[in-house]
Amino acid sequence: MSTSASPRLGGMVPDVSAITEVSPTSRITPNGHPKPELRAELRHIPNVRNAISVASIYVQNIAIVWAALTLHNPFTYVIAFVLMGRAHAQILAMMHESVHRLLFSNRKLNDFAGRWLLGYLSFVNSDAYRYVHMAHHREEFGPNEPDIPLYANYPITSDSFWRKMRRDALGITGFKMIRDQFLHPFRKDGFGKRTQAKILVTQLVLLVSISLVSHPLVYIAFWFIPQLTVWRVMNRLRSIAEHGGLRADDDRRVTTHSVRQHPIASFLFVPFNLGWHIAHHTDAGIPFRSLPKYHAELRKSGYVNDVYEYPSYRAIWRALRAA
């Protein structure tokens, strides 16, 4: 491969003035890690609350589709369509928690929920995802980083940015990825045949269940197509806001962006504290409910400051397309 074809990394690395030294505190180390007392406080897994959160995903999204079908109005159909893209974001945020084995303290229950109640429901092999995601956490932008094509070459031009958005919104990206996913088991070098079969069984059960109470088109319109379109847009916007244009480094502030969290963004595409990403990468063993508290400690110590942190998602997306 020629040098010109290699991915360009580091175009969005913060200015040196943003990477300040950490002020000594009784709770945070110089590299941003929580000290033992704080770590013990932050790493508690609230099993009952997490079970309620998983159940709430099912309840609220069933209610969204039921309300759209009951009101039978084009406007409510559009709202439901967008919100069902958010449903996949919710499911995969909680699956991500299970991948880190932070959803339930019982490992068997944690992995069962991550597979059958979450990952398979949104077409994801949670075990395969765990394998590549742990490589991502071991060394962001390292030789085993799975998502460099997603993060590389930023900042990009506005034209390039909106081309990516259109491909996602029209389902071109989603169709290609799901096609490749389900063709793998039929190839000689295919992997995960049994898991792919489990995903198909899960989708079949969902399709039959919906068909029994409504119509098969409801599955297509409010589950399958939102996954290929709305969720793909949300996933790209979230992902590039996490690591777009950065590069490998021992300092997590050079590998991971920080974006101030606002209620609308948290509701739409970074649910369950998924947006507190610098805290998550500084210590990946902290459950999602503790990330805002940990982020506050990082701010107090000076590890995160106003120069380093983007004030909103709109601000970072604007910077990402400023080439």
Foldseek 3Di string as FASTA:
>chain_A
DDPVPDFAFQPPFFDPVQQDFFADDPFADRLLDGDPVVCVVQLDAPQVVLVVLLVVLVVVLVVLLVVCVVVVDPVSLVVLQLVLLQSLLSLVLLLVCLLLPRSHVPNVVSVCCSQQSGQLLLVHDSVVVSVLVVVCLVWPQDPSNPCCVLATDFLAAPVVVVVQLVCQQVLVVLVVVSVVVVCQVVDPNRPDVVSSVVSVVSLVVVQVVCCVVDNSVSCVRNHVVSSSHSNSNLVSLLVNQFAHRAHTDPRLLRRTAAEDDDDVNCSRRCDLQNRLRSQCSSPVSGGSVSSVVSVVVCDVRSSGDPSRYHHHSVRVVCRRNVD
